[in-house]
N, C-alpha and C. Protein backbone atom coordinates (compact mmCIF):
# COMPACT_ATOMS: atom_id res chain seq x y z
N LEU A 1 -11.43 -1.02 -64.85
CA LEU A 1 -11.38 0.43 -64.86
C LEU A 1 -12.76 0.98 -64.52
N SER A 2 -12.73 2.03 -63.82
CA SER A 2 -13.97 2.66 -63.41
C SER A 2 -14.53 3.50 -64.56
N LEU A 3 -15.83 3.42 -64.74
CA LEU A 3 -16.48 4.22 -65.78
C LEU A 3 -16.68 5.66 -65.34
N TYR A 4 -16.81 5.83 -64.04
CA TYR A 4 -17.06 7.15 -63.51
C TYR A 4 -15.90 7.55 -62.62
N SER A 5 -15.58 8.80 -62.67
CA SER A 5 -14.52 9.26 -61.77
C SER A 5 -15.19 9.71 -60.46
N SER A 6 -14.55 9.36 -59.37
CA SER A 6 -15.12 9.74 -58.09
C SER A 6 -14.52 11.07 -57.66
N PRO A 7 -15.35 11.95 -57.14
CA PRO A 7 -14.82 13.24 -56.70
C PRO A 7 -13.94 13.07 -55.46
N ALA A 8 -12.99 13.92 -55.32
CA ALA A 8 -12.11 13.88 -54.16
C ALA A 8 -12.92 14.23 -52.92
N ARG A 9 -12.74 13.43 -51.92
CA ARG A 9 -13.49 13.66 -50.68
C ARG A 9 -12.67 14.53 -49.75
N GLU A 10 -13.25 15.59 -49.38
CA GLU A 10 -12.61 16.48 -48.44
C GLU A 10 -13.51 16.56 -47.20
N THR A 11 -13.10 15.85 -46.19
CA THR A 11 -13.88 15.88 -44.96
C THR A 11 -13.07 16.61 -43.90
N LYS A 12 -13.78 17.27 -43.08
CA LYS A 12 -13.13 18.02 -42.03
C LYS A 12 -13.92 17.81 -40.74
N TYR A 13 -13.20 17.41 -39.70
CA TYR A 13 -13.85 17.18 -38.42
C TYR A 13 -14.01 18.51 -37.70
N VAL A 14 -15.23 18.78 -37.33
CA VAL A 14 -15.52 20.01 -36.61
C VAL A 14 -16.08 19.61 -35.25
N GLU A 15 -15.35 19.98 -34.21
CA GLU A 15 -15.79 19.64 -32.87
C GLU A 15 -16.79 20.67 -32.40
N THR A 16 -17.89 20.16 -31.86
CA THR A 16 -18.91 21.09 -31.38
C THR A 16 -18.45 21.69 -30.06
N PRO A 17 -18.69 22.95 -29.86
CA PRO A 17 -18.25 23.58 -28.60
C PRO A 17 -19.06 23.02 -27.43
N GLN A 18 -18.37 22.90 -26.30
CA GLN A 18 -19.03 22.39 -25.10
C GLN A 18 -19.91 23.47 -24.49
N THR A 19 -21.03 23.00 -23.99
CA THR A 19 -21.91 23.94 -23.29
C THR A 19 -21.36 24.18 -21.90
N GLN A 20 -21.95 25.10 -21.21
CA GLN A 20 -21.50 25.44 -19.87
C GLN A 20 -21.75 24.27 -18.92
N LEU A 21 -22.85 23.56 -19.11
CA LEU A 21 -23.16 22.40 -18.28
C LEU A 21 -22.13 21.29 -18.49
N GLU A 22 -21.78 21.01 -19.74
CA GLU A 22 -20.79 19.98 -20.04
C GLU A 22 -19.42 20.34 -19.45
N GLU A 23 -19.06 21.59 -19.54
CA GLU A 23 -17.79 22.01 -18.95
C GLU A 23 -17.80 21.85 -17.44
N GLY A 24 -18.91 22.18 -16.81
CA GLY A 24 -19.02 22.04 -15.36
C GLY A 24 -18.95 20.58 -14.92
N VAL A 25 -19.60 19.70 -15.68
CA VAL A 25 -19.58 18.29 -15.35
C VAL A 25 -18.18 17.71 -15.54
N SER A 26 -17.51 18.08 -16.62
CA SER A 26 -16.16 17.56 -16.84
C SER A 26 -15.19 18.08 -15.78
N GLN A 27 -15.35 19.31 -15.35
CA GLN A 27 -14.50 19.85 -14.30
C GLN A 27 -14.77 19.12 -12.98
N LEU A 28 -16.02 18.87 -12.67
CA LEU A 28 -16.37 18.13 -11.46
C LEU A 28 -15.79 16.71 -11.49
N ARG A 29 -15.84 16.06 -12.63
CA ARG A 29 -15.29 14.71 -12.76
C ARG A 29 -13.78 14.71 -12.55
N ARG A 30 -13.09 15.72 -13.09
CA ARG A 30 -11.65 15.81 -12.90
C ARG A 30 -11.30 16.04 -11.43
N VAL A 31 -12.07 16.85 -10.74
CA VAL A 31 -11.80 17.13 -9.33
C VAL A 31 -12.08 15.89 -8.48
N MET A 32 -13.13 15.15 -8.79
CA MET A 32 -13.54 14.00 -7.97
C MET A 32 -12.82 12.70 -8.32
N GLU A 33 -12.04 12.68 -9.38
CA GLU A 33 -11.40 11.44 -9.84
C GLU A 33 -10.52 10.78 -8.78
N PRO A 34 -9.68 11.48 -8.04
CA PRO A 34 -8.88 10.80 -7.02
C PRO A 34 -9.73 10.14 -5.93
N TYR A 35 -10.80 10.79 -5.55
CA TYR A 35 -11.66 10.25 -4.51
C TYR A 35 -12.41 9.01 -4.99
N THR A 36 -12.92 9.05 -6.22
CA THR A 36 -13.63 7.89 -6.73
C THR A 36 -12.68 6.72 -6.94
N ALA A 37 -11.45 6.98 -7.37
CA ALA A 37 -10.48 5.91 -7.53
C ALA A 37 -10.15 5.29 -6.19
N TRP A 38 -10.01 6.10 -5.16
CA TRP A 38 -9.73 5.58 -3.82
C TRP A 38 -10.90 4.72 -3.33
N CYS A 39 -12.13 5.18 -3.54
CA CYS A 39 -13.30 4.42 -3.11
C CYS A 39 -13.39 3.09 -3.84
N GLN A 40 -13.09 3.10 -5.13
CA GLN A 40 -13.13 1.86 -5.89
C GLN A 40 -12.11 0.86 -5.38
N THR A 41 -10.90 1.30 -5.09
CA THR A 41 -9.89 0.37 -4.60
C THR A 41 -10.28 -0.15 -3.22
N GLN A 42 -10.85 0.69 -2.37
CA GLN A 42 -11.27 0.24 -1.04
C GLN A 42 -12.40 -0.77 -1.14
N LEU A 43 -13.36 -0.53 -2.03
CA LEU A 43 -14.47 -1.46 -2.19
C LEU A 43 -14.01 -2.79 -2.76
N VAL A 44 -13.12 -2.74 -3.74
CA VAL A 44 -12.63 -3.97 -4.34
C VAL A 44 -11.84 -4.78 -3.33
N ASP A 45 -10.98 -4.12 -2.56
CA ASP A 45 -10.20 -4.82 -1.55
C ASP A 45 -11.09 -5.45 -0.49
N SER A 46 -12.09 -4.70 -0.02
CA SER A 46 -12.96 -5.24 1.02
C SER A 46 -13.84 -6.36 0.48
N SER A 47 -14.28 -6.26 -0.78
CA SER A 47 -15.10 -7.33 -1.34
C SER A 47 -14.27 -8.59 -1.59
N LYS A 48 -12.99 -8.44 -1.94
CA LYS A 48 -12.14 -9.62 -2.10
C LYS A 48 -11.97 -10.35 -0.77
N VAL A 49 -11.80 -9.59 0.31
CA VAL A 49 -11.65 -10.21 1.62
C VAL A 49 -12.92 -10.95 1.99
N LYS A 50 -14.07 -10.33 1.74
CA LYS A 50 -15.34 -10.98 2.06
C LYS A 50 -15.56 -12.21 1.20
N ALA A 51 -15.23 -12.12 -0.09
CA ALA A 51 -15.43 -13.25 -0.98
C ALA A 51 -14.49 -14.40 -0.65
N ASP A 52 -13.27 -14.08 -0.24
CA ASP A 52 -12.32 -15.13 0.10
C ASP A 52 -12.71 -15.84 1.39
N SER A 53 -13.30 -15.12 2.32
CA SER A 53 -13.63 -15.72 3.60
C SER A 53 -15.01 -16.35 3.63
N SER A 54 -15.77 -16.22 2.57
CA SER A 54 -17.14 -16.73 2.60
C SER A 54 -17.18 -18.21 2.25
N LEU A 55 -18.32 -18.80 2.55
CA LEU A 55 -18.52 -20.21 2.23
C LEU A 55 -18.71 -20.40 0.73
N CYS A 56 -19.17 -19.37 0.05
CA CYS A 56 -19.40 -19.48 -1.38
C CYS A 56 -18.10 -19.73 -2.12
N SER A 57 -17.01 -19.15 -1.66
CA SER A 57 -15.74 -19.35 -2.35
C SER A 57 -15.33 -20.81 -2.27
N ASP A 58 -15.61 -21.47 -1.13
CA ASP A 58 -15.32 -22.90 -1.02
C ASP A 58 -16.16 -23.70 -2.00
N PHE A 59 -17.43 -23.35 -2.10
CA PHE A 59 -18.33 -24.05 -3.02
C PHE A 59 -17.87 -23.89 -4.46
N PHE A 60 -17.52 -22.67 -4.84
CA PHE A 60 -17.10 -22.43 -6.21
C PHE A 60 -15.76 -23.08 -6.52
N SER A 61 -14.86 -23.09 -5.56
CA SER A 61 -13.57 -23.74 -5.81
C SER A 61 -13.75 -25.25 -5.94
N GLU A 62 -14.62 -25.84 -5.11
CA GLU A 62 -14.89 -27.27 -5.24
C GLU A 62 -15.58 -27.58 -6.57
N SER A 63 -16.50 -26.72 -6.98
CA SER A 63 -17.18 -26.92 -8.26
C SER A 63 -16.20 -26.81 -9.41
N TYR A 64 -15.29 -25.87 -9.32
CA TYR A 64 -14.28 -25.71 -10.37
C TYR A 64 -13.40 -26.95 -10.45
N GLU A 65 -12.99 -27.46 -9.31
CA GLU A 65 -12.17 -28.67 -9.28
C GLU A 65 -12.93 -29.85 -9.87
N LEU A 66 -14.23 -29.96 -9.55
CA LEU A 66 -15.04 -31.05 -10.07
C LEU A 66 -15.15 -30.98 -11.58
N LEU A 67 -15.31 -29.78 -12.12
CA LEU A 67 -15.41 -29.64 -13.57
C LEU A 67 -14.07 -29.84 -14.26
N GLN A 68 -12.97 -29.53 -13.59
CA GLN A 68 -11.66 -29.74 -14.18
C GLN A 68 -11.27 -31.21 -14.18
N ASN A 69 -11.59 -31.93 -13.11
CA ASN A 69 -11.27 -33.36 -13.00
C ASN A 69 -12.54 -34.13 -12.66
N PRO A 70 -13.44 -34.32 -13.64
CA PRO A 70 -14.72 -34.96 -13.33
C PRO A 70 -14.54 -36.46 -13.10
N PRO A 71 -15.38 -37.04 -12.24
CA PRO A 71 -15.35 -38.48 -12.06
C PRO A 71 -15.90 -39.17 -13.30
N ALA A 72 -15.68 -40.45 -13.40
CA ALA A 72 -16.15 -41.20 -14.57
C ALA A 72 -17.67 -41.14 -14.65
N GLY A 73 -18.17 -40.84 -15.83
CA GLY A 73 -19.61 -40.79 -16.07
C GLY A 73 -20.30 -39.53 -15.58
N PHE A 74 -19.55 -38.50 -15.24
CA PHE A 74 -20.15 -37.28 -14.71
C PHE A 74 -20.94 -36.53 -15.78
N TYR A 75 -20.36 -36.35 -16.95
CA TYR A 75 -21.03 -35.57 -17.99
C TYR A 75 -22.28 -36.25 -18.54
N PRO A 76 -22.29 -37.58 -18.74
CA PRO A 76 -23.56 -38.21 -19.14
C PRO A 76 -24.66 -38.05 -18.08
N ARG A 77 -24.29 -38.16 -16.81
CA ARG A 77 -25.28 -37.95 -15.75
C ARG A 77 -25.80 -36.52 -15.78
N LEU A 78 -24.89 -35.57 -15.97
CA LEU A 78 -25.28 -34.17 -16.05
C LEU A 78 -26.22 -33.94 -17.23
N GLY A 79 -25.95 -34.63 -18.34
CA GLY A 79 -26.82 -34.51 -19.51
C GLY A 79 -28.21 -35.06 -19.24
N VAL A 80 -28.30 -36.17 -18.54
CA VAL A 80 -29.61 -36.75 -18.22
C VAL A 80 -30.39 -35.84 -17.28
N ILE A 81 -29.71 -35.28 -16.30
CA ILE A 81 -30.38 -34.37 -15.36
C ILE A 81 -30.87 -33.13 -16.08
N GLY A 82 -30.04 -32.58 -16.98
CA GLY A 82 -30.46 -31.41 -17.75
C GLY A 82 -31.61 -31.73 -18.70
N PHE A 83 -31.57 -32.92 -19.30
CA PHE A 83 -32.65 -33.33 -20.20
C PHE A 83 -33.95 -33.49 -19.43
N ALA A 84 -33.87 -33.96 -18.18
CA ALA A 84 -35.07 -34.07 -17.35
C ALA A 84 -35.68 -32.69 -17.12
N GLY A 85 -34.84 -31.68 -16.96
CA GLY A 85 -35.35 -30.32 -16.81
C GLY A 85 -36.03 -29.82 -18.06
N VAL A 86 -35.47 -30.16 -19.23
CA VAL A 86 -36.10 -29.75 -20.50
C VAL A 86 -37.43 -30.46 -20.67
N VAL A 87 -37.49 -31.74 -20.33
CA VAL A 87 -38.75 -32.48 -20.40
C VAL A 87 -39.77 -31.87 -19.46
N GLY A 88 -39.32 -31.46 -18.28
CA GLY A 88 -40.21 -30.80 -17.33
C GLY A 88 -40.77 -29.51 -17.89
N LEU A 89 -39.94 -28.75 -18.61
CA LEU A 89 -40.45 -27.53 -19.25
C LEU A 89 -41.46 -27.85 -20.34
N PHE A 90 -41.23 -28.93 -21.05
CA PHE A 90 -42.15 -29.33 -22.12
C PHE A 90 -43.49 -29.77 -21.54
N LEU A 91 -43.46 -30.49 -20.42
CA LEU A 91 -44.69 -30.98 -19.81
C LEU A 91 -45.45 -29.90 -19.05
N ALA A 92 -44.81 -28.82 -18.72
CA ALA A 92 -45.41 -27.79 -17.86
C ALA A 92 -46.08 -26.69 -18.68
N ARG A 93 -46.85 -27.06 -19.64
CA ARG A 93 -47.55 -26.04 -20.42
C ARG A 93 -48.70 -25.47 -19.63
N GLY A 94 -48.89 -24.18 -19.75
CA GLY A 94 -50.03 -23.54 -19.11
C GLY A 94 -49.65 -22.71 -17.91
N SER A 95 -49.69 -23.31 -16.75
CA SER A 95 -49.52 -22.58 -15.50
C SER A 95 -48.07 -22.19 -15.24
N LYS A 96 -47.89 -21.03 -14.63
CA LYS A 96 -46.54 -20.59 -14.26
C LYS A 96 -45.99 -21.43 -13.12
N ILE A 97 -46.87 -21.89 -12.25
CA ILE A 97 -46.42 -22.73 -11.14
C ILE A 97 -45.90 -24.06 -11.66
N LYS A 98 -46.58 -24.61 -12.67
CA LYS A 98 -46.11 -25.86 -13.28
C LYS A 98 -44.73 -25.66 -13.89
N LYS A 99 -44.51 -24.50 -14.48
CA LYS A 99 -43.22 -24.23 -15.11
C LYS A 99 -42.09 -24.15 -14.09
N LEU A 100 -42.42 -23.89 -12.85
CA LEU A 100 -41.41 -23.90 -11.80
C LEU A 100 -41.26 -25.28 -11.16
N VAL A 101 -42.39 -25.96 -10.95
CA VAL A 101 -42.38 -27.21 -10.19
C VAL A 101 -41.90 -28.39 -11.04
N TYR A 102 -42.41 -28.54 -12.25
CA TYR A 102 -42.08 -29.72 -13.05
C TYR A 102 -40.60 -29.84 -13.38
N PRO A 103 -39.96 -28.80 -13.93
CA PRO A 103 -38.52 -28.97 -14.22
C PRO A 103 -37.69 -29.21 -12.97
N ALA A 104 -37.98 -28.47 -11.91
CA ALA A 104 -37.20 -28.66 -10.68
C ALA A 104 -37.44 -30.04 -10.09
N GLY A 105 -38.68 -30.48 -10.12
CA GLY A 105 -39.00 -31.80 -9.59
C GLY A 105 -38.36 -32.92 -10.39
N LEU A 106 -38.45 -32.86 -11.71
CA LEU A 106 -37.85 -33.91 -12.53
C LEU A 106 -36.33 -33.90 -12.43
N MET A 107 -35.74 -32.72 -12.35
CA MET A 107 -34.29 -32.65 -12.19
C MET A 107 -33.88 -33.18 -10.82
N GLY A 108 -34.66 -32.88 -9.81
CA GLY A 108 -34.37 -33.39 -8.47
C GLY A 108 -34.49 -34.89 -8.39
N ILE A 109 -35.51 -35.45 -9.03
CA ILE A 109 -35.68 -36.91 -9.03
C ILE A 109 -34.54 -37.59 -9.76
N SER A 110 -34.18 -37.06 -10.92
CA SER A 110 -33.09 -37.70 -11.67
C SER A 110 -31.74 -37.52 -10.96
N ALA A 111 -31.54 -36.40 -10.32
CA ALA A 111 -30.29 -36.21 -9.57
C ALA A 111 -30.24 -37.13 -8.37
N SER A 112 -31.38 -37.34 -7.71
CA SER A 112 -31.37 -38.24 -6.55
C SER A 112 -31.18 -39.69 -6.96
N MET A 113 -31.52 -40.06 -8.19
CA MET A 113 -31.24 -41.42 -8.66
C MET A 113 -29.74 -41.62 -8.87
N TYR A 114 -29.04 -40.60 -9.35
CA TYR A 114 -27.61 -40.73 -9.60
C TYR A 114 -26.77 -40.50 -8.35
N TYR A 115 -27.25 -39.66 -7.45
CA TYR A 115 -26.49 -39.31 -6.26
C TYR A 115 -27.35 -39.53 -5.01
N PRO A 116 -27.59 -40.79 -4.61
CA PRO A 116 -28.51 -41.03 -3.49
C PRO A 116 -27.98 -40.56 -2.14
N GLN A 117 -26.66 -40.67 -1.88
CA GLN A 117 -26.14 -40.25 -0.58
C GLN A 117 -26.29 -38.75 -0.39
N GLN A 118 -26.01 -37.98 -1.44
CA GLN A 118 -26.15 -36.53 -1.34
C GLN A 118 -27.63 -36.14 -1.18
N ALA A 119 -28.52 -36.87 -1.85
CA ALA A 119 -29.95 -36.58 -1.72
C ALA A 119 -30.43 -36.83 -0.30
N VAL A 120 -29.95 -37.90 0.32
CA VAL A 120 -30.34 -38.19 1.71
C VAL A 120 -29.80 -37.11 2.64
N ALA A 121 -28.56 -36.67 2.41
CA ALA A 121 -27.97 -35.63 3.25
C ALA A 121 -28.74 -34.32 3.12
N ILE A 122 -29.14 -33.97 1.92
CA ILE A 122 -29.92 -32.74 1.71
C ILE A 122 -31.29 -32.86 2.36
N ALA A 123 -31.92 -34.05 2.24
CA ALA A 123 -33.23 -34.25 2.84
C ALA A 123 -33.16 -34.16 4.36
N LYS A 124 -32.07 -34.64 4.96
CA LYS A 124 -31.94 -34.57 6.42
C LYS A 124 -31.75 -33.13 6.87
N VAL A 125 -31.02 -32.34 6.12
CA VAL A 125 -30.78 -30.94 6.50
C VAL A 125 -32.04 -30.13 6.39
N SER A 126 -32.78 -30.32 5.31
CA SER A 126 -33.99 -29.52 5.13
C SER A 126 -35.15 -30.16 5.84
């Protein structure tokens, strides 16, 4: 049982009146809504076409397939490559250039040990 009685709460929501500027902006938004909706649908449709036809969509779909059905030993290799990057960050104290070069270099070396054919192909292209 409560020792004290609580007073009845009577709250009333009072909406503040809109200023002339707020009314003008809301009216402008209502008038422009069909046009902005049309522009959004046109932009989304055109960006979907561009994204579907780009090379990036192939890369992302292949990456998604690889993560869904990984080859044997893929995740341990990925862990070692990621750990090499963390070690590179640990070793790169001081300079900002070291913080960029060491993790990328160690990750690249460890990735080239696990995937030598892909490393050779990348080296030939660049």
